[in-house]
């Protein structure tokens, strides 16, 4: 039986998530920051043969730990599923995650990070030269800005350090996955706290959706 309770952001950050899907079929091994988007796509497309397990999103604060965490999770779940797909981009691992996935024989999402694949990797790469000074937020990060940005940098205790951290940035780009006025408001407040100009860009799910659609077809339930 699947868990139909929507995951809360604190749990996704610290503990991760599992939808208690049935064994067999496909397991999506994902970052907790992507749980809501993946669950929405599963529901909308009827991908009941795809189960979801998420590692804690807070691993992004320590990207050097992501590769080992993914390897351990693949080893843990491998015997229970026909296929495992890794729903991470490179995410600051310097190519180590791709090397691990190649060694384990599992596929992962293409791209350097979620900002890229949400916008579409091709589109994102074309404007990177013009946006070298942009700071990006997704829906998840707009909700969890303090946990992932403000507190880890110590700005809750030393706000005077703001310009030292963000002085080379010129704008905050909010990559919106959903039409949510409250999240837009939160993202604008984040830009204000950072002293940056604000831009909202509706991306939807981008390459995440097309990638999962392709993977879903690999193991169509009989």
C-alpha atoms as a PDB file:
ATOM      1  CA  UNK A   1       0.000   0.000   0.000  1.00  0.00           C
ATOM      2  CA  UNK A   2       1.332   3.396  -0.941  1.00  0.00           C
ATOM      3  CA  UNK A   3       1.617   6.252   1.507  1.00  0.00           C
ATOM      4  CA  UNK A   4      -0.770   8.975   0.296  1.00  0.00           C
ATOM      5  CA  UNK A   5       0.153  11.524   2.970  1.00  0.00           C
ATOM      6  CA  UNK A   6       2.141  14.358   1.351  1.00  0.00           C
ATOM      7  CA  UNK A   7       5.675  14.482   2.729  1.00  0.00           C
ATOM      8  CA  UNK A   8       6.605  17.505   4.803  1.00  0.00           C
ATOM      9  CA  UNK A   9       9.732  19.486   4.000  1.00  0.00           C
ATOM     10  CA  UNK A  10      11.449  18.942   7.337  1.00  0.00           C
ATOM     11  CA  UNK A  11      11.174  15.161   6.996  1.00  0.00           C
ATOM     12  CA  UNK A  12      12.359  15.309   3.389  1.00  0.00           C
ATOM     13  CA  UNK A  13      15.334  17.362   4.498  1.00  0.00           C
ATOM     14  CA  UNK A  14      16.445  15.290   7.475  1.00  0.00           C
ATOM     15  CA  UNK A  15      15.022  11.795   7.025  1.00  0.00           C
ATOM     16  CA  UNK A  16      14.174  11.290   3.358  1.00  0.00           C
ATOM     17  CA  UNK A  17      11.027   9.480   2.257  1.00  0.00           C
ATOM     18  CA  UNK A  18       9.559   6.242   0.965  1.00  0.00           C
ATOM     19  CA  UNK A  19       6.135   5.754  -0.606  1.00  0.00           C
ATOM     20  CA  UNK A  20       5.989   2.117   0.531  1.00  0.00           C
ATOM     21  CA  UNK A  21       5.486   0.953  -3.038  1.00  0.00           C
ATOM     22  CA  UNK A  22       5.332  -2.717  -3.888  1.00  0.00           C
ATOM     23  CA  UNK A  23       8.561  -4.624  -4.623  1.00  0.00           C
ATOM     24  CA  UNK A  24       9.340  -5.383  -8.233  1.00  0.00           C
ATOM     25  CA  UNK A  25       9.037  -3.011 -11.138  1.00  0.00           C
ATOM     26  CA  UNK A  26      11.044   0.216 -10.937  1.00  0.00           C
ATOM     27  CA  UNK A  27      12.555   1.944  -7.938  1.00  0.00           C
ATOM     28  CA  UNK A  28      13.289   5.636  -8.228  1.00  0.00           C
ATOM     29  CA  UNK A  29      16.114   6.436  -5.828  1.00  0.00           C
ATOM     30  CA  UNK A  30      15.891  10.188  -5.485  1.00  0.00           C
ATOM     31  CA  UNK A  31      16.924  13.269  -3.576  1.00  0.00           C
ATOM     32  CA  UNK A  32      14.382  14.292  -0.962  1.00  0.00           C
ATOM     33  CA  UNK A  33      14.201  17.748  -2.561  1.00  0.00           C
ATOM     34  CA  UNK A  34      12.467  16.124  -5.553  1.00  0.00           C
ATOM     35  CA  UNK A  35       9.922  14.004  -3.698  1.00  0.00           C
ATOM     36  CA  UNK A  36       6.868  16.197  -4.223  1.00  0.00           C
ATOM     37  CA  UNK A  37       7.541  16.632  -7.926  1.00  0.00           C
ATOM     38  CA  UNK A  38       8.075  12.911  -8.476  1.00  0.00           C
ATOM     39  CA  UNK A  39       4.974  11.950  -6.505  1.00  0.00           C
ATOM     40  CA  UNK A  40       2.922  14.425  -8.528  1.00  0.00           C
ATOM     41  CA  UNK A  41       4.228  12.981 -11.792  1.00  0.00           C
ATOM     42  CA  UNK A  42       3.546   9.429 -10.614  1.00  0.00           C
ATOM     43  CA  UNK A  43      -0.028  10.312  -9.681  1.00  0.00           C
ATOM     44  CA  UNK A  44      -0.775  12.245 -12.867  1.00  0.00           C
ATOM     45  CA  UNK A  45       0.613   9.545 -15.137  1.00  0.00           C
ATOM     46  CA  UNK A  46      -0.546   6.473 -13.247  1.00  0.00           C
ATOM     47  CA  UNK A  47       2.990   5.154 -12.773  1.00  0.00           C
ATOM     48  CA  UNK A  48       2.007   2.682 -10.082  1.00  0.00           C
ATOM     49  CA  UNK A  49       4.812   0.333 -11.116  1.00  0.00           C
ATOM     50  CA  UNK A  50       7.351   2.959 -10.024  1.00  0.00           C
ATOM     51  CA  UNK A  51       8.218   3.079  -6.329  1.00  0.00           C
ATOM     52  CA  UNK A  52      10.020   5.991  -4.704  1.00  0.00           C
ATOM     53  CA  UNK A  53      12.696   6.124  -2.030  1.00  0.00           C
ATOM     54  CA  UNK A  54      14.341   9.444  -1.224  1.00  0.00           C
ATOM     55  CA  UNK A  55      17.593  10.109   0.574  1.00  0.00           C
ATOM     56  CA  UNK A  56      17.668  13.143   2.905  1.00  0.00           C
ATOM     57  CA  UNK A  57      17.827  16.387   0.964  1.00  0.00           C
ATOM     58  CA  UNK A  58      20.294  17.805   3.477  1.00  0.00           C
ATOM     59  CA  UNK A  59      23.005  15.688   1.830  1.00  0.00           C
ATOM     60  CA  UNK A  60      23.375  18.627  -0.554  1.00  0.00           C
ATOM     61  CA  UNK A  61      25.061  20.548   2.229  1.00  0.00           C
ATOM     62  CA  UNK A  62      27.758  17.850   2.088  1.00  0.00           C
ATOM     63  CA  UNK A  63      27.875  16.723  -1.570  1.00  0.00           C
ATOM     64  CA  UNK A  64      30.936  14.588  -0.854  1.00  0.00           C
ATOM     65  CA  UNK A  65      28.564  12.209   0.975  1.00  0.00           C
ATOM     66  CA  UNK A  66      26.042  11.798  -1.848  1.00  0.00           C
ATOM     67  CA  UNK A  67      27.886   9.180  -3.889  1.00  0.00           C
ATOM     68  CA  UNK A  68      28.380   6.753  -1.005  1.00  0.00           C
ATOM     69  CA  UNK A  69      24.802   7.245   0.180  1.00  0.00           C
ATOM     70  CA  UNK A  70      23.488   6.410  -3.290  1.00  0.00           C
ATOM     71  CA  UNK A  71      25.776   3.369  -3.588  1.00  0.00           C
ATOM     72  CA  UNK A  72      24.598   2.061  -0.215  1.00  0.00           C
ATOM     73  CA  UNK A  73      20.944   2.560  -1.136  1.00  0.00           C
ATOM     74  CA  UNK A  74      21.311   0.815  -4.505  1.00  0.00           C
ATOM     75  CA  UNK A  75      22.957  -2.163  -2.786  1.00  0.00           C
ATOM     76  CA  UNK A  76      20.207  -2.234  -0.161  1.00  0.00           C
ATOM     77  CA  UNK A  77      17.313  -2.264  -2.647  1.00  0.00           C
ATOM     78  CA  UNK A  78      18.807  -4.024  -5.659  1.00  0.00           C
ATOM     79  CA  UNK A  79      17.349  -7.474  -4.965  1.00  0.00           C
ATOM     80  CA  UNK A  80      13.822  -6.128  -4.471  1.00  0.00           C
ATOM     81  CA  UNK A  81      13.334  -4.378  -7.828  1.00  0.00           C
ATOM     82  CA  UNK A  82      13.684  -5.177 -11.507  1.00  0.00           C
ATOM     83  CA  UNK A  83      15.337  -1.822 -12.186  1.00  0.00           C
ATOM     84  CA  UNK A  84      16.682   1.083 -10.170  1.00  0.00           C
ATOM     85  CA  UNK A  85      17.041   4.593 -11.530  1.00  0.00           C
ATOM     86  CA  UNK A  86      18.900   7.337  -9.678  1.00  0.00           C
ATOM     87  CA  UNK A  87      17.068  10.670  -9.629  1.00  0.00           C
ATOM     88  CA  UNK A  88      20.089  12.848  -8.954  1.00  0.00           C
ATOM     89  CA  UNK A  89      22.105  14.990 -11.313  1.00  0.00           C
ATOM     90  CA  UNK A  90      25.833  15.435 -10.612  1.00  0.00           C
ATOM     91  CA  UNK A  91      24.935  17.672  -7.642  1.00  0.00           C
ATOM     92  CA  UNK A  92      28.461  18.763  -6.787  1.00  0.00           C
ATOM     93  CA  UNK A  93      30.012  15.278  -6.768  1.00  0.00           C
ATOM     94  CA  UNK A  94      32.528  16.178  -9.478  1.00  0.00           C
ATOM     95  CA  UNK A  95      31.551  13.241 -11.675  1.00  0.00           C
ATOM     96  CA  UNK A  96      31.904  10.680  -8.877  1.00  0.00           C
ATOM     97  CA  UNK A  97      28.200   9.901  -8.792  1.00  0.00           C
ATOM     98  CA  UNK A  98      28.162   9.187 -12.529  1.00  0.00           C
ATOM     99  CA  UNK A  99      31.170   6.905 -12.130  1.00  0.00           C
ATOM    100  CA  UNK A 100      29.427   5.038  -9.308  1.00  0.00           C
ATOM    101  CA  UNK A 101      26.216   4.660 -11.323  1.00  0.00           C
ATOM    102  CA  UNK A 102      28.178   3.353 -14.303  1.00  0.00           C
ATOM    103  CA  UNK A 103      29.900   0.849 -12.055  1.00  0.00           C
ATOM    104  CA  UNK A 104      26.589  -0.233 -10.528  1.00  0.00           C
ATOM    105  CA  UNK A 105      24.843  -0.402 -13.896  1.00  0.00           C
ATOM    106  CA  UNK A 106      22.114   2.120 -13.068  1.00  0.00           C
ATOM    107  CA  UNK A 107      21.078   5.273 -14.911  1.00  0.00           C
ATOM    108  CA  UNK A 108      20.885   8.743 -13.411  1.00  0.00           C
ATOM    109  CA  UNK A 109      19.373  12.044 -14.510  1.00  0.00           C
ATOM    110  CA  UNK A 110      21.545  13.979 -16.945  1.00  0.00           C
ATOM    111  CA  UNK A 111      22.766  17.433 -15.972  1.00  0.00           C
ATOM    112  CA  UNK A 112      24.985  19.230 -13.490  1.00  0.00           C
ATOM    113  CA  UNK A 113      22.202  19.929 -10.955  1.00  0.00           C
ATOM    114  CA  UNK A 114      18.449  20.253 -10.563  1.00  0.00           C
ATOM    115  CA  UNK A 115      18.443  23.913 -11.636  1.00  0.00           C
ATOM    116  CA  UNK A 116      19.650  22.729 -15.017  1.00  0.00           C
ATOM    117  CA  UNK A 117      17.282  19.821 -15.561  1.00  0.00           C
ATOM    118  CA  UNK A 118      14.236  21.722 -14.277  1.00  0.00           C
ATOM    119  CA  UNK A 119      14.824  24.401 -16.873  1.00  0.00           C
ATOM    120  CA  UNK A 120      15.945  21.840 -19.452  1.00  0.00           C
ATOM    121  CA  UNK A 121      19.652  21.103 -19.747  1.00  0.00           C
ATOM    122  CA  UNK A 122      19.953  22.486 -23.274  1.00  0.00           C
ATOM    123  CA  UNK A 123      18.142  25.716 -22.402  1.00  0.00           C
ATOM    124  CA  UNK A 124      20.040  26.186 -19.157  1.00  0.00           C
ATOM    125  CA  UNK A 125      23.446  25.751 -20.781  1.00  0.00           C
ATOM    126  CA  UNK A 126      22.683  28.353 -23.470  1.00  0.00           C
ATOM    127  CA  UNK A 127      22.224  31.223 -21.037  1.00  0.00           C
ATOM    128  CA  UNK A 128      24.861  30.319 -18.465  1.00  0.00           C
ATOM    129  CA  UNK A 129      27.339  32.828 -19.849  1.00  0.00           C
ATOM    130  CA  UNK A 130      24.794  35.582 -19.221  1.00  0.00           C
ATOM    131  CA  UNK A 131      23.799  34.259 -15.793  1.00  0.00           C
ATOM    132  CA  UNK A 132      27.112  33.555 -14.121  1.00  0.00           C
ATOM    133  CA  UNK A 133      26.045  35.881 -11.304  1.00  0.00           C
ATOM    134  CA  UNK A 134      22.569  34.355 -10.776  1.00  0.00           C
ATOM    135  CA  UNK A 135      21.533  32.517  -7.624  1.00  0.00           C
ATOM    136  CA  UNK A 136      18.829  29.889  -8.226  1.00  0.00           C
ATOM    137  CA  UNK A 137      15.950  28.668  -6.096  1.00  0.00           C
ATOM    138  CA  UNK A 138      13.490  25.847  -6.792  1.00  0.00           C
ATOM    139  CA  UNK A 139      10.098  25.367  -5.122  1.00  0.00           C
ATOM    140  CA  UNK A 140      11.711  23.171  -2.473  1.00  0.00           C
ATOM    141  CA  UNK A 141      14.494  25.639  -1.742  1.00  0.00           C
ATOM    142  CA  UNK A 142      12.057  28.536  -1.550  1.00  0.00           C
ATOM    143  CA  UNK A 143      10.348  26.643   1.254  1.00  0.00           C
ATOM    144  CA  UNK A 144      13.599  25.510   2.878  1.00  0.00           C
ATOM    145  CA  UNK A 145      15.787  28.571   2.286  1.00  0.00           C
ATOM    146  CA  UNK A 146      16.766  29.003   5.914  1.00  0.00           C
ATOM    147  CA  UNK A 147      17.752  25.336   6.339  1.00  0.00           C
ATOM    148  CA  UNK A 148      19.818  25.149   3.151  1.00  0.00           C
ATOM    149  CA  UNK A 149      21.226  28.656   2.735  1.00  0.00           C
ATOM    150  CA  UNK A 150      20.807  31.113   5.591  1.00  0.00           C
ATOM    151  CA  UNK A 151      21.629  28.934   8.602  1.00  0.00           C
ATOM    152  CA  UNK A 152      24.457  26.848   7.059  1.00  0.00           C
ATOM    153  CA  UNK A 153      26.218  30.094   6.149  1.00  0.00           C
ATOM    154  CA  UNK A 154      25.730  31.408   9.670  1.00  0.00           C
ATOM    155  CA  UNK A 155      23.711  34.386   8.469  1.00  0.00           C
ATOM    156  CA  UNK A 156      21.060  33.823  11.118  1.00  0.00           C
ATOM    157  CA  UNK A 157      23.769  34.695  13.644  1.00  0.00           C
ATOM    158  CA  UNK A 158      25.887  37.076  11.578  1.00  0.00           C
ATOM    159  CA  UNK A 159      23.696  38.872   9.011  1.00  0.00           C
ATOM    160  CA  UNK A 160      26.492  41.399   8.474  1.00  0.00           C
ATOM    161  CA  UNK A 161      28.286  38.727   6.414  1.00  0.00           C
ATOM    162  CA  UNK A 162      25.587  38.813   3.741  1.00  0.00           C
ATOM    163  CA  UNK A 163      27.518  40.932   1.256  1.00  0.00           C
ATOM    164  CA  UNK A 164      30.627  38.811   1.692  1.00  0.00           C
ATOM    165  CA  UNK A 165      28.701  35.734   0.557  1.00  0.00           C
ATOM    166  CA  UNK A 166      26.426  37.268  -2.056  1.00  0.00           C
ATOM    167  CA  UNK A 167      28.254  40.402  -3.164  1.00  0.00           C
ATOM    168  CA  UNK A 168      29.208  38.845  -6.509  1.00  0.00           C
ATOM    169  CA  UNK A 169      25.634  37.845  -7.332  1.00  0.00           C
ATOM    170  CA  UNK A 170      23.289  40.209  -9.136  1.00  0.00           C
ATOM    171  CA  UNK A 171      19.919  38.445  -9.082  1.00  0.00           C
ATOM    172  CA  UNK A 172      17.949  35.552  -7.648  1.00  0.00           C
ATOM    173  CA  UNK A 173      16.178  33.417 -10.241  1.00  0.00           C
ATOM    174  CA  UNK A 174      13.184  31.560  -8.846  1.00  0.00           C
ATOM    175  CA  UNK A 175      12.632  28.498 -11.028  1.00  0.00           C
ATOM    176  CA  UNK A 176       9.000  27.771 -10.248  1.00  0.00           C
ATOM    177  CA  UNK A 177       7.836  24.197 -10.699  1.00  0.00           C
ATOM    178  CA  UNK A 178       4.247  25.103  -9.823  1.00  0.00           C
ATOM    179  CA  UNK A 179       1.925  28.104  -9.915  1.00  0.00           C
ATOM    180  CA  UNK A 180       2.002  28.987  -6.237  1.00  0.00           C
ATOM    181  CA  UNK A 181       1.708  32.660  -5.198  1.00  0.00           C
ATOM    182  CA  UNK A 182       2.877  31.872  -1.667  1.00  0.00           C
ATOM    183  CA  UNK A 183       6.108  30.318  -2.935  1.00  0.00           C
ATOM    184  CA  UNK A 184       6.668  33.294  -5.209  1.00  0.00           C
ATOM    185  CA  UNK A 185       6.257  35.579  -2.210  1.00  0.00           C
ATOM    186  CA  UNK A 186       8.738  33.496  -0.219  1.00  0.00           C
ATOM    187  CA  UNK A 187      11.245  33.557  -3.062  1.00  0.00           C
ATOM    188  CA  UNK A 188      10.923  37.348  -3.311  1.00  0.00           C
ATOM    189  CA  UNK A 189      11.601  37.594   0.416  1.00  0.00           C
ATOM    190  CA  UNK A 190      14.716  35.451  -0.065  1.00  0.00           C
ATOM    191  CA  UNK A 191      15.948  37.799  -2.788  1.00  0.00           C
ATOM    192  CA  UNK A 192      15.335  40.759  -0.508  1.00  0.00           C
ATOM    193  CA  UNK A 193      17.254  39.134   2.362  1.00  0.00           C
ATOM    194  CA  UNK A 194      20.175  38.505   0.001  1.00  0.00           C
ATOM    195  CA  UNK A 195      20.052  42.016  -1.455  1.00  0.00           C
ATOM    196  CA  UNK A 196      19.483  40.708  -4.987  1.00  0.00           C
ATOM    197  CA  UNK A 197      17.157  41.540  -7.847  1.00  0.00           C
ATOM    198  CA  UNK A 198      14.330  39.038  -8.339  1.00  0.00           C
ATOM    199  CA  UNK A 199      13.256  37.091 -11.410  1.00  0.00           C
ATOM    200  CA  UNK A 200      10.599  34.390 -11.562  1.00  0.00           C
ATOM    201  CA  UNK A 201      10.903  31.785 -14.289  1.00  0.00           C
ATOM    202  CA  UNK A 202       8.190  29.157 -14.737  1.00  0.00           C
ATOM    203  CA  UNK A 203      10.019  25.938 -15.600  1.00  0.00           C
ATOM    204  CA  UNK A 204       7.591  23.205 -14.610  1.00  0.00           C
ATOM    205  CA  UNK A 205       9.373  19.874 -14.263  1.00  0.00           C
ATOM    206  CA  UNK A 206      11.552  20.192 -17.364  1.00  0.00           C
ATOM    207  CA  UNK A 207      13.869  17.295 -18.122  1.00  0.00           C
ATOM    208  CA  UNK A 208      12.845  15.575 -14.896  1.00  0.00           C
ATOM    209  CA  UNK A 209       9.443  14.851 -16.420  1.00  0.00           C
ATOM    210  CA  UNK A 210      10.765  13.677 -19.776  1.00  0.00           C
ATOM    211  CA  UNK A 211      13.388  11.480 -18.115  1.00  0.00           C
ATOM    212  CA  UNK A 212      10.892   9.812 -15.791  1.00  0.00           C
ATOM    213  CA  UNK A 213       8.493   9.324 -18.700  1.00  0.00           C
ATOM    214  CA  UNK A 214      11.201   7.477 -20.587  1.00  0.00           C
ATOM    215  CA  UNK A 215      12.089   5.350 -17.580  1.00  0.00           C
ATOM    216  CA  UNK A 216       8.437   4.513 -16.918  1.00  0.00           C
ATOM    217  CA  UNK A 217       8.198   2.910 -20.346  1.00  0.00           C
ATOM    218  CA  UNK A 218      11.136   0.607 -19.649  1.00  0.00           C
ATOM    219  CA  UNK A 219       9.090  -1.625 -17.355  1.00  0.00           C
ATOM    220  CA  UNK A 220       5.430  -1.425 -18.299  1.00  0.00           C
ATOM    221  CA  UNK A 221       3.302  -3.487 -15.897  1.00  0.00           C
ATOM    222  CA  UNK A 222       1.687  -6.574 -17.420  1.00  0.00           C
END
